[in-house]
């Protein structure tokens, strides 16, 4: 929900979008930085 809302905000104002990933681990997009996990993320 928040992802889609934020994408709508980006589109609304024509902001420069560099990356839009719906599943960073499933797609293999997660690099070393994105793979840092919070406790909440591990639970999710």
ModelCIF file with pLDDT and N, C-alpha, C, O atoms, coordinates in Angstrom:
data_MODEL
#
_entry.id   MODEL 
#
_entity.id                         1 
_entity.type                       polymer 
_entity.pdbx_number_of_molecules   1 
#
_entity_poly.entity_id                      1 
_entity_poly.type                           'polypeptide(L)' 
_entity_poly.nstd_linkage                   no 
_entity_poly.nstd_monomer                   no 
_entity_poly.pdbx_seq_one_letter_code       
;(UNK)(UNK)(UNK)(UNK)(UNK)(UNK)(UNK)(UNK)(UNK)(UNK)(UNK)(UNK)(UNK)(UNK)(UNK)(UNK)
(UNK)(UNK)(UNK)(UNK)(UNK)(UNK)(UNK)(UNK)(UNK)(UNK)(UNK)(UNK)(UNK)(UNK)(UNK)(UNK)
(UNK)(UNK)(UNK)(UNK)(UNK)(UNK)(UNK)(UNK)(UNK)(UNK)(UNK)(UNK)
;
_entity_poly.pdbx_seq_one_letter_code_can   XXXXXXXXXXXXXXXXXXXXXXXXXXXXXXXXXXXXXXXXXXXX 
_entity_poly.pdbx_strand_id                 A 
#
loop_
_entity_poly_seq.entity_id 
_entity_poly_seq.num 
_entity_poly_seq.mon_id 
_entity_poly_seq.hetero 
1 1  UNK n 
1 2  UNK n 
1 3  UNK n 
1 4  UNK n 
1 5  UNK n 
1 6  UNK n 
1 7  UNK n 
1 8  UNK n 
1 9  UNK n 
1 10 UNK n 
1 11 UNK n 
1 12 UNK n 
1 13 UNK n 
1 14 UNK n 
1 15 UNK n 
1 16 UNK n 
1 17 UNK n 
1 18 UNK n 
1 19 UNK n 
1 20 UNK n 
1 21 UNK n 
1 22 UNK n 
1 23 UNK n 
1 24 UNK n 
1 25 UNK n 
1 26 UNK n 
1 27 UNK n 
1 28 UNK n 
1 29 UNK n 
1 30 UNK n 
1 31 UNK n 
1 32 UNK n 
1 33 UNK n 
1 34 UNK n 
1 35 UNK n 
1 36 UNK n 
1 37 UNK n 
1 38 UNK n 
1 39 UNK n 
1 40 UNK n 
1 41 UNK n 
1 42 UNK n 
1 43 UNK n 
1 44 UNK n 
#
_struct_asym.id          A 
_struct_asym.entity_id   1 
#
loop_
_ma_qa_metric.id 
_ma_qa_metric.mode 
_ma_qa_metric.name 
_ma_qa_metric.software_group_id 
_ma_qa_metric.type 
1 global pLDDT . pLDDT 
2 local  pLDDT . pLDDT 
#
_ma_qa_metric_global.metric_id      1 
_ma_qa_metric_global.metric_value   94.32 
_ma_qa_metric_global.model_id       1 
_ma_qa_metric_global.ordinal_id     1 
#
loop_
_ma_qa_metric_local.label_asym_id 
_ma_qa_metric_local.label_comp_id 
_ma_qa_metric_local.label_seq_id 
_ma_qa_metric_local.metric_id 
_ma_qa_metric_local.metric_value 
_ma_qa_metric_local.model_id 
_ma_qa_metric_local.ordinal_id 
A UNK 1  2 93.00 1 1  
A UNK 2  2 95.00 1 2  
A UNK 3  2 96.00 1 3  
A UNK 4  2 95.00 1 4  
A UNK 5  2 94.00 1 5  
A UNK 6  2 96.00 1 6  
A UNK 7  2 96.00 1 7  
A UNK 8  2 94.00 1 8  
A UNK 9  2 96.00 1 9  
A UNK 10 2 97.00 1 10 
A UNK 11 2 96.00 1 11 
A UNK 12 2 95.00 1 12 
A UNK 13 2 96.00 1 13 
A UNK 14 2 96.00 1 14 
A UNK 15 2 98.00 1 15 
A UNK 16 2 98.00 1 16 
A UNK 17 2 98.00 1 17 
A UNK 18 2 98.00 1 18 
A UNK 19 2 98.00 1 19 
A UNK 20 2 98.00 1 20 
A UNK 21 2 97.00 1 21 
A UNK 22 2 96.00 1 22 
A UNK 23 2 97.00 1 23 
A UNK 24 2 97.00 1 24 
A UNK 25 2 96.00 1 25 
A UNK 26 2 94.00 1 26 
A UNK 27 2 95.00 1 27 
A UNK 28 2 95.00 1 28 
A UNK 29 2 96.00 1 29 
A UNK 30 2 94.00 1 30 
A UNK 31 2 94.00 1 31 
A UNK 32 2 92.00 1 32 
A UNK 33 2 92.00 1 33 
A UNK 34 2 94.00 1 34 
A UNK 35 2 93.00 1 35 
A UNK 36 2 92.00 1 36 
A UNK 37 2 90.00 1 37 
A UNK 38 2 87.00 1 38 
A UNK 39 2 85.00 1 39 
A UNK 40 2 85.00 1 40 
A UNK 41 2 92.00 1 41 
A UNK 42 2 91.00 1 42 
A UNK 43 2 91.00 1 43 
A UNK 44 2 92.00 1 44 
#
loop_
_atom_site.group_PDB 
_atom_site.id 
_atom_site.type_symbol 
_atom_site.label_atom_id 
_atom_site.label_alt_id 
_atom_site.label_comp_id 
_atom_site.label_asym_id 
_atom_site.label_entity_id 
_atom_site.label_seq_id 
_atom_site.pdbx_PDB_ins_code 
_atom_site.Cartn_x 
_atom_site.Cartn_y 
_atom_site.Cartn_z 
_atom_site.occupancy 
_atom_site.B_iso_or_equiv 
_atom_site.pdbx_formal_charge 
_atom_site.auth_seq_id 
_atom_site.auth_comp_id 
_atom_site.auth_asym_id 
_atom_site.auth_atom_id 
_atom_site.pdbx_PDB_model_num 
ATOM 1   N N  . UNK A 1 1  ? 0.825  -1.199  0.000   1.00 93.00 ? 1  UNK A N  1 
ATOM 2   C CA . UNK A 1 1  ? 0.000  0.000   0.000   1.00 93.00 ? 1  UNK A CA 1 
ATOM 3   C C  . UNK A 1 1  ? 0.869  1.263   0.000   1.00 93.00 ? 1  UNK A C  1 
ATOM 4   O O  . UNK A 1 1  ? 0.659  2.164   -0.812  1.00 93.00 ? 1  UNK A O  1 
ATOM 5   N N  . UNK A 1 2  ? 1.836  1.325   0.906   1.00 95.00 ? 2  UNK A N  1 
ATOM 6   C CA . UNK A 1 2  ? 2.709  2.496   0.984   1.00 95.00 ? 2  UNK A CA 1 
ATOM 7   C C  . UNK A 1 2  ? 3.575  2.610   -0.261  1.00 95.00 ? 2  UNK A C  1 
ATOM 8   O O  . UNK A 1 2  ? 3.827  3.711   -0.751  1.00 95.00 ? 2  UNK A O  1 
ATOM 9   N N  . UNK A 1 3  ? 4.028  1.474   -0.769  1.00 96.00 ? 3  UNK A N  1 
ATOM 10  C CA . UNK A 1 3  ? 4.826  1.474   -1.990  1.00 96.00 ? 3  UNK A CA 1 
ATOM 11  C C  . UNK A 1 3  ? 4.024  2.074   -3.151  1.00 96.00 ? 3  UNK A C  1 
ATOM 12  O O  . UNK A 1 3  ? 4.525  2.931   -3.879  1.00 96.00 ? 3  UNK A O  1 
ATOM 13  N N  . UNK A 1 4  ? 2.779  1.618   -3.319  1.00 95.00 ? 4  UNK A N  1 
ATOM 14  C CA . UNK A 1 4  ? 1.942  2.117   -4.419  1.00 95.00 ? 4  UNK A CA 1 
ATOM 15  C C  . UNK A 1 4  ? 1.597  3.587   -4.232  1.00 95.00 ? 4  UNK A C  1 
ATOM 16  O O  . UNK A 1 4  ? 1.580  4.356   -5.193  1.00 95.00 ? 4  UNK A O  1 
ATOM 17  N N  . UNK A 1 5  ? 1.323  3.971   -2.994  1.00 94.00 ? 5  UNK A N  1 
ATOM 18  C CA . UNK A 1 5  ? 1.023  5.375   -2.711  1.00 94.00 ? 5  UNK A CA 1 
ATOM 19  C C  . UNK A 1 5  ? 2.218  6.261   -3.070  1.00 94.00 ? 5  UNK A C  1 
ATOM 20  O O  . UNK A 1 5  ? 2.064  7.297   -3.717  1.00 94.00 ? 5  UNK A O  1 
ATOM 21  N N  . UNK A 1 6  ? 3.405  5.842   -2.642  1.00 96.00 ? 6  UNK A N  1 
ATOM 22  C CA . UNK A 1 6  ? 4.605  6.635   -2.910  1.00 96.00 ? 6  UNK A CA 1 
ATOM 23  C C  . UNK A 1 6  ? 4.880  6.721   -4.401  1.00 96.00 ? 6  UNK A C  1 
ATOM 24  O O  . UNK A 1 6  ? 5.288  7.769   -4.900  1.00 96.00 ? 6  UNK A O  1 
ATOM 25  N N  . UNK A 1 7  ? 4.655  5.617   -5.116  1.00 96.00 ? 7  UNK A N  1 
ATOM 26  C CA . UNK A 1 7  ? 4.840  5.649   -6.569  1.00 96.00 ? 7  UNK A CA 1 
ATOM 27  C C  . UNK A 1 7  ? 3.849  6.628   -7.207  1.00 96.00 ? 7  UNK A C  1 
ATOM 28  O O  . UNK A 1 7  ? 4.189  7.320   -8.167  1.00 96.00 ? 7  UNK A O  1 
ATOM 29  N N  . UNK A 1 8  ? 2.629  6.685   -6.677  1.00 94.00 ? 8  UNK A N  1 
ATOM 30  C CA . UNK A 1 8  ? 1.640  7.638   -7.192  1.00 94.00 ? 8  UNK A CA 1 
ATOM 31  C C  . UNK A 1 8  ? 2.078  9.072   -6.925  1.00 94.00 ? 8  UNK A C  1 
ATOM 32  O O  . UNK A 1 8  ? 1.878  9.947   -7.767  1.00 94.00 ? 8  UNK A O  1 
ATOM 33  N N  . UNK A 1 9  ? 2.673  9.321   -5.765  1.00 96.00 ? 9  UNK A N  1 
ATOM 34  C CA . UNK A 1 9  ? 3.181  10.649  -5.445  1.00 96.00 ? 9  UNK A CA 1 
ATOM 35  C C  . UNK A 1 9  ? 4.309  11.031  -6.404  1.00 96.00 ? 9  UNK A C  1 
ATOM 36  O O  . UNK A 1 9  ? 4.357  12.156  -6.901  1.00 96.00 ? 9  UNK A O  1 
ATOM 37  N N  . UNK A 1 10 ? 5.213  10.085  -6.659  1.00 97.00 ? 10 UNK A N  1 
ATOM 38  C CA . UNK A 1 10 ? 6.320  10.318  -7.595  1.00 97.00 ? 10 UNK A CA 1 
ATOM 39  C C  . UNK A 1 10 ? 5.788  10.683  -8.976  1.00 97.00 ? 10 UNK A C  1 
ATOM 40  O O  . UNK A 1 10 ? 6.257  11.633  -9.604  1.00 97.00 ? 10 UNK A O  1 
ATOM 41  N N  . UNK A 1 11 ? 4.817  9.926   -9.432  1.00 96.00 ? 11 UNK A N  1 
ATOM 42  C CA . UNK A 1 11 ? 4.237  10.183  -10.755 1.00 96.00 ? 11 UNK A CA 1 
ATOM 43  C C  . UNK A 1 11 ? 3.498  11.515  -10.789 1.00 96.00 ? 11 UNK A C  1 
ATOM 44  O O  . UNK A 1 11 ? 3.560  12.248  -11.777 1.00 96.00 ? 11 UNK A O  1 
ATOM 45  N N  . UNK A 1 12 ? 2.802  11.817  -9.705  1.00 95.00 ? 12 UNK A N  1 
ATOM 46  C CA . UNK A 1 12 ? 2.011  13.046  -9.642  1.00 95.00 ? 12 UNK A CA 1 
ATOM 47  C C  . UNK A 1 12 ? 2.872  14.286  -9.873  1.00 95.00 ? 12 UNK A C  1 
ATOM 48  O O  . UNK A 1 12 ? 2.464  15.216  -10.568 1.00 95.00 ? 12 UNK A O  1 
ATOM 49  N N  . UNK A 1 13 ? 4.071  14.288  -9.279  1.00 96.00 ? 13 UNK A N  1 
ATOM 50  C CA . UNK A 1 13 ? 4.929  15.463  -9.373  1.00 96.00 ? 13 UNK A CA 1 
ATOM 51  C C  . UNK A 1 13 ? 6.057  15.308  -10.392 1.00 96.00 ? 13 UNK A C  1 
ATOM 52  O O  . UNK A 1 13 ? 6.910  16.186  -10.516 1.00 96.00 ? 13 UNK A O  1 
ATOM 53  N N  . UNK A 1 14 ? 6.060  14.201  -11.114 1.00 96.00 ? 14 UNK A N  1 
ATOM 54  C CA . UNK A 1 14 ? 7.082  13.996  -12.141 1.00 96.00 ? 14 UNK A CA 1 
ATOM 55  C C  . UNK A 1 14 ? 8.482  13.924  -11.558 1.00 96.00 ? 14 UNK A C  1 
ATOM 56  O O  . UNK A 1 14 ? 9.423  14.463  -12.140 1.00 96.00 ? 14 UNK A O  1 
ATOM 57  N N  . UNK A 1 15 ? 8.631  13.268  -10.420 1.00 98.00 ? 15 UNK A N  1 
ATOM 58  C CA . UNK A 1 15 ? 9.927  13.188  -9.764  1.00 98.00 ? 15 UNK A CA 1 
ATOM 59  C C  . UNK A 1 15 ? 10.804 12.134  -10.441 1.00 98.00 ? 15 UNK A C  1 
ATOM 60  O O  . UNK A 1 15 ? 10.292 11.130  -10.936 1.00 98.00 ? 15 UNK A O  1 
ATOM 61  N N  . UNK A 1 16 ? 12.113 12.352  -10.464 1.00 98.00 ? 16 UNK A N  1 
ATOM 62  C CA . UNK A 1 16 ? 13.018 11.371  -11.081 1.00 98.00 ? 16 UNK A CA 1 
ATOM 63  C C  . UNK A 1 16 ? 13.057 10.064  -10.295 1.00 98.00 ? 16 UNK A C  1 
ATOM 64  O O  . UNK A 1 16 ? 13.449 10.042  -9.129  1.00 98.00 ? 16 UNK A O  1 
ATOM 65  N N  . UNK A 1 17 ? 12.650 8.981   -10.944 1.00 98.00 ? 17 UNK A N  1 
ATOM 66  C CA . UNK A 1 17 ? 12.595 7.664   -10.316 1.00 98.00 ? 17 UNK A CA 1 
ATOM 67  C C  . UNK A 1 17 ? 13.783 6.830   -10.791 1.00 98.00 ? 17 UNK A C  1 
ATOM 68  O O  . UNK A 1 17 ? 13.970 6.638   -11.992 1.00 98.00 ? 17 UNK A O  1 
ATOM 69  N N  . UNK A 1 18 ? 14.583 6.338   -9.848  1.00 98.00 ? 18 UNK A N  1 
ATOM 70  C CA . UNK A 1 18 ? 15.775 5.567   -10.185 1.00 98.00 ? 18 UNK A CA 1 
ATOM 71  C C  . UNK A 1 18 ? 15.580 4.070   -10.012 1.00 98.00 ? 18 UNK A C  1 
ATOM 72  O O  . UNK A 1 18 ? 16.217 3.277   -10.705 1.00 98.00 ? 18 UNK A O  1 
ATOM 73  N N  . UNK A 1 19 ? 14.706 3.676   -9.093  1.00 98.00 ? 19 UNK A N  1 
ATOM 74  C CA . UNK A 1 19 ? 14.495 2.247   -8.859  1.00 98.00 ? 19 UNK A CA 1 
ATOM 75  C C  . UNK A 1 19 ? 13.091 2.027   -8.317  1.00 98.00 ? 19 UNK A C  1 
ATOM 76  O O  . UNK A 1 19 ? 12.593 2.796   -7.495  1.00 98.00 ? 19 UNK A O  1 
ATOM 77  N N  . UNK A 1 20 ? 12.463 0.952   -8.801  1.00 98.00 ? 20 UNK A N  1 
ATOM 78  C CA . UNK A 1 20 ? 11.119 0.573   -8.359  1.00 98.00 ? 20 UNK A CA 1 
ATOM 79  C C  . UNK A 1 20 ? 11.067 -0.946  -8.371  1.00 98.00 ? 20 UNK A C  1 
ATOM 80  O O  . UNK A 1 20 ? 10.899 -1.561  -9.424  1.00 98.00 ? 20 UNK A O  1 
ATOM 81  N N  . UNK A 1 21 ? 11.211 -1.550  -7.189  1.00 97.00 ? 21 UNK A N  1 
ATOM 82  C CA . UNK A 1 21 ? 11.270 -3.005  -7.077  1.00 97.00 ? 21 UNK A CA 1 
ATOM 83  C C  . UNK A 1 21 ? 10.179 -3.512  -6.142  1.00 97.00 ? 21 UNK A C  1 
ATOM 84  O O  . UNK A 1 21 ? 10.057 -3.036  -5.013  1.00 97.00 ? 21 UNK A O  1 
ATOM 85  N N  . UNK A 1 22 ? 9.393  -4.465  -6.602  1.00 96.00 ? 22 UNK A N  1 
ATOM 86  C CA . UNK A 1 22 ? 8.290  -5.009  -5.810  1.00 96.00 ? 22 UNK A CA 1 
ATOM 87  C C  . UNK A 1 22 ? 8.722  -6.147  -4.891  1.00 96.00 ? 22 UNK A C  1 
ATOM 88  O O  . UNK A 1 22 ? 7.967  -6.538  -4.001  1.00 96.00 ? 22 UNK A O  1 
ATOM 89  N N  . UNK A 1 23 ? 9.935  -6.687  -5.094  1.00 97.00 ? 23 UNK A N  1 
ATOM 90  C CA . UNK A 1 23 ? 10.414 -7.804  -4.278  1.00 97.00 ? 23 UNK A CA 1 
ATOM 91  C C  . UNK A 1 23 ? 11.934 -7.862  -4.422  1.00 97.00 ? 23 UNK A C  1 
ATOM 92  O O  . UNK A 1 23 ? 12.446 -8.570  -5.289  1.00 97.00 ? 23 UNK A O  1 
ATOM 93  N N  . UNK A 1 24 ? 12.644 -7.136  -3.595  1.00 97.00 ? 24 UNK A N  1 
ATOM 94  C CA . UNK A 1 24 ? 14.079 -6.967  -3.802  1.00 97.00 ? 24 UNK A CA 1 
ATOM 95  C C  . UNK A 1 24 ? 14.862 -8.263  -3.643  1.00 97.00 ? 24 UNK A C  1 
ATOM 96  O O  . UNK A 1 24 ? 15.906 -8.436  -4.272  1.00 97.00 ? 24 UNK A O  1 
ATOM 97  N N  . UNK A 1 25 ? 14.368 -9.180  -2.807  1.00 96.00 ? 25 UNK A N  1 
ATOM 98  C CA . UNK A 1 25 ? 15.076 -10.438 -2.632  1.00 96.00 ? 25 UNK A CA 1 
ATOM 99  C C  . UNK A 1 25 ? 14.661 -11.451 -3.694  1.00 96.00 ? 25 UNK A C  1 
ATOM 100 O O  . UNK A 1 25 ? 15.496 -12.194 -4.209  1.00 96.00 ? 25 UNK A O  1 
ATOM 101 N N  . UNK A 1 26 ? 13.386 -11.478 -4.015  1.00 94.00 ? 26 UNK A N  1 
ATOM 102 C CA . UNK A 1 26 ? 12.914 -12.407 -5.039  1.00 94.00 ? 26 UNK A CA 1 
ATOM 103 C C  . UNK A 1 26 ? 13.475 -12.094 -6.408  1.00 94.00 ? 26 UNK A C  1 
ATOM 104 O O  . UNK A 1 26 ? 13.700 -13.005 -7.206  1.00 94.00 ? 26 UNK A O  1 
ATOM 105 N N  . UNK A 1 27 ? 13.710 -10.806 -6.700  1.00 95.00 ? 27 UNK A N  1 
ATOM 106 C CA . UNK A 1 27 ? 14.233 -10.405 -8.010  1.00 95.00 ? 27 UNK A CA 1 
ATOM 107 C C  . UNK A 1 27 ? 15.754 -10.402 -8.067  1.00 95.00 ? 27 UNK A C  1 
ATOM 108 O O  . UNK A 1 27 ? 16.346 -10.278 -9.139  1.00 95.00 ? 27 UNK A O  1 
ATOM 109 N N  . UNK A 1 28 ? 16.384 -10.542 -6.892  1.00 95.00 ? 28 UNK A N  1 
ATOM 110 C CA . UNK A 1 28 ? 17.843 -10.494 -6.845  1.00 95.00 ? 28 UNK A CA 1 
ATOM 111 C C  . UNK A 1 28 ? 18.383 -9.074  -6.885  1.00 95.00 ? 28 UNK A C  1 
ATOM 112 O O  . UNK A 1 28 ? 19.582 -8.877  -7.081  1.00 95.00 ? 28 UNK A O  1 
ATOM 113 N N  . UNK A 1 29 ? 17.511 -8.072  -6.701  1.00 96.00 ? 29 UNK A N  1 
ATOM 114 C CA . UNK A 1 29 ? 17.931 -6.673  -6.774  1.00 96.00 ? 29 UNK A CA 1 
ATOM 115 C C  . UNK A 1 29 ? 18.723 -6.239  -5.540  1.00 96.00 ? 29 UNK A C  1 
ATOM 116 O O  . UNK A 1 29 ? 19.555 -5.336  -5.623  1.00 96.00 ? 29 UNK A O  1 
ATOM 117 N N  . UNK A 1 30 ? 18.466 -6.879  -4.398  1.00 94.00 ? 30 UNK A N  1 
ATOM 118 C CA . UNK A 1 30 ? 19.082 -6.453  -3.140  1.00 94.00 ? 30 UNK A CA 1 
ATOM 119 C C  . UNK A 1 30 ? 20.599 -6.611  -3.175  1.00 94.00 ? 30 UNK A C  1 
ATOM 120 O O  . UNK A 1 30 ? 21.111 -7.721  -3.317  1.00 94.00 ? 30 UNK A O  1 
ATOM 121 N N  . UNK A 1 31 ? 21.312 -5.494  -3.045  1.00 94.00 ? 31 UNK A N  1 
ATOM 122 C CA . UNK A 1 31 ? 22.759 -5.532  -2.954  1.00 94.00 ? 31 UNK A CA 1 
ATOM 123 C C  . UNK A 1 31 ? 23.165 -5.574  -1.484  1.00 94.00 ? 31 UNK A C  1 
ATOM 124 O O  . UNK A 1 31 ? 22.326 -5.818  -0.617  1.00 94.00 ? 31 UNK A O  1 
ATOM 125 N N  . UNK A 1 32 ? 24.438 -5.339  -1.202  1.00 92.00 ? 32 UNK A N  1 
ATOM 126 C CA . UNK A 1 32 ? 24.912 -5.426  0.181   1.00 92.00 ? 32 UNK A CA 1 
ATOM 127 C C  . UNK A 1 32 ? 24.213 -4.403  1.070   1.00 92.00 ? 32 UNK A C  1 
ATOM 128 O O  . UNK A 1 32 ? 23.884 -4.694  2.220   1.00 92.00 ? 32 UNK A O  1 
ATOM 129 N N  . UNK A 1 33 ? 23.987 -3.204  0.535   1.00 92.00 ? 33 UNK A N  1 
ATOM 130 C CA . UNK A 1 33 ? 23.340 -2.160  1.322   1.00 92.00 ? 33 UNK A CA 1 
ATOM 131 C C  . UNK A 1 33 ? 21.883 -2.488  1.592   1.00 92.00 ? 33 UNK A C  1 
ATOM 132 O O  . UNK A 1 33 ? 21.423 -2.380  2.729   1.00 92.00 ? 33 UNK A O  1 
ATOM 133 N N  . UNK A 1 34 ? 21.158 -2.884  0.571   1.00 94.00 ? 34 UNK A N  1 
ATOM 134 C CA . UNK A 1 34 ? 19.740 -3.195  0.737   1.00 94.00 ? 34 UNK A CA 1 
ATOM 135 C C  . UNK A 1 34 ? 19.521 -4.458  1.555   1.00 94.00 ? 34 UNK A C  1 
ATOM 136 O O  . UNK A 1 34 ? 18.429 -4.683  2.077   1.00 94.00 ? 34 UNK A O  1 
ATOM 137 N N  . UNK A 1 35 ? 20.552 -5.280  1.667   1.00 93.00 ? 35 UNK A N  1 
ATOM 138 C CA . UNK A 1 35 ? 20.416 -6.536  2.420   1.00 93.00 ? 35 UNK A CA 1 
ATOM 139 C C  . UNK A 1 35 ? 20.599 -6.354  3.920   1.00 93.00 ? 35 UNK A C  1 
ATOM 140 O O  . UNK A 1 35 ? 20.440 -7.309  4.681   1.00 93.00 ? 35 UNK A O  1 
ATOM 141 N N  . UNK A 1 36 ? 20.931 -5.137  4.358   1.00 92.00 ? 36 UNK A N  1 
ATOM 142 C CA . UNK A 1 36 ? 20.958 -4.872  5.800   1.00 92.00 ? 36 UNK A CA 1 
ATOM 143 C C  . UNK A 1 36 ? 19.527 -5.023  6.307   1.00 92.00 ? 36 UNK A C  1 
ATOM 144 O O  . UNK A 1 36 ? 18.603 -4.430  5.750   1.00 92.00 ? 36 UNK A O  1 
ATOM 145 N N  . UNK A 1 37 ? 19.348 -5.802  7.344   1.00 90.00 ? 37 UNK A N  1 
ATOM 146 C CA . UNK A 1 37 ? 17.986 -6.118  7.814   1.00 90.00 ? 37 UNK A CA 1 
ATOM 147 C C  . UNK A 1 37 ? 17.740 -5.601  9.224   1.00 90.00 ? 37 UNK A C  1 
ATOM 148 O O  . UNK A 1 37 ? 18.566 -5.767  10.121  1.00 90.00 ? 37 UNK A O  1 
ATOM 149 N N  . UNK A 1 38 ? 16.587 -4.974  9.393   1.00 87.00 ? 38 UNK A N  1 
ATOM 150 C CA . UNK A 1 38 ? 16.138 -4.610  10.734  1.00 87.00 ? 38 UNK A CA 1 
ATOM 151 C C  . UNK A 1 38 ? 15.421 -5.824  11.334  1.00 87.00 ? 38 UNK A C  1 
ATOM 152 O O  . UNK A 1 38 ? 15.140 -6.803  10.642  1.00 87.00 ? 38 UNK A O  1 
ATOM 153 N N  . UNK A 1 39 ? 15.135 -5.736  12.630  1.00 85.00 ? 39 UNK A N  1 
ATOM 154 C CA . UNK A 1 39 ? 14.401 -6.831  13.277  1.00 85.00 ? 39 UNK A CA 1 
ATOM 155 C C  . UNK A 1 39 ? 13.027 -6.991  12.648  1.00 85.00 ? 39 UNK A C  1 
ATOM 156 O O  . UNK A 1 39 ? 12.557 -8.111  12.446  1.00 85.00 ? 39 UNK A O  1 
ATOM 157 N N  . UNK A 1 40 ? 12.377 -5.864  12.335  1.00 85.00 ? 40 UNK A N  1 
ATOM 158 C CA . UNK A 1 40 ? 11.063 -5.926  11.708  1.00 85.00 ? 40 UNK A CA 1 
ATOM 159 C C  . UNK A 1 40 ? 11.146 -6.615  10.352  1.00 85.00 ? 40 UNK A C  1 
ATOM 160 O O  . UNK A 1 40 ? 10.313 -7.460  10.025  1.00 85.00 ? 40 UNK A O  1 
ATOM 161 N N  . UNK A 1 41 ? 12.148 -6.253  9.572   1.00 92.00 ? 41 UNK A N  1 
ATOM 162 C CA . UNK A 1 41 ? 12.273 -6.840  8.242   1.00 92.00 ? 41 UNK A CA 1 
ATOM 163 C C  . UNK A 1 41 ? 12.455 -8.349  8.333   1.00 92.00 ? 41 UNK A C  1 
ATOM 164 O O  . UNK A 1 41 ? 11.865 -9.089  7.545   1.00 92.00 ? 41 UNK A O  1 
ATOM 165 N N  . UNK A 1 42 ? 13.246 -8.806  9.261   1.00 91.00 ? 42 UNK A N  1 
ATOM 166 C CA . UNK A 1 42 ? 13.458 -10.244 9.413   1.00 91.00 ? 42 UNK A CA 1 
ATOM 167 C C  . UNK A 1 42 ? 12.142 -10.955 9.716   1.00 91.00 ? 42 UNK A C  1 
ATOM 168 O O  . UNK A 1 42 ? 11.887 -12.044 9.203   1.00 91.00 ? 42 UNK A O  1 
ATOM 169 N N  . UNK A 1 43 ? 11.309 -10.335 10.552  1.00 91.00 ? 43 UNK A N  1 
ATOM 170 C CA . UNK A 1 43 ? 10.013 -10.932 10.863  1.00 91.00 ? 43 UNK A CA 1 
ATOM 171 C C  . UNK A 1 43 ? 9.122  -10.982 9.625   1.00 91.00 ? 43 UNK A C  1 
ATOM 172 O O  . UNK A 1 43 ? 8.461  -11.987 9.367   1.00 91.00 ? 43 UNK A O  1 
ATOM 173 N N  . UNK A 1 44 ? 9.111  -9.891  8.864   1.00 92.00 ? 44 UNK A N  1 
ATOM 174 C CA . UNK A 1 44 ? 8.273  -9.858  7.662   1.00 92.00 ? 44 UNK A CA 1 
ATOM 175 C C  . UNK A 1 44 ? 8.714  -10.925 6.668   1.00 92.00 ? 44 UNK A C  1 
ATOM 176 O O  . UNK A 1 44 ? 8.125  -11.050 5.594   1.00 92.00 ? 44 UNK A O  1 
#
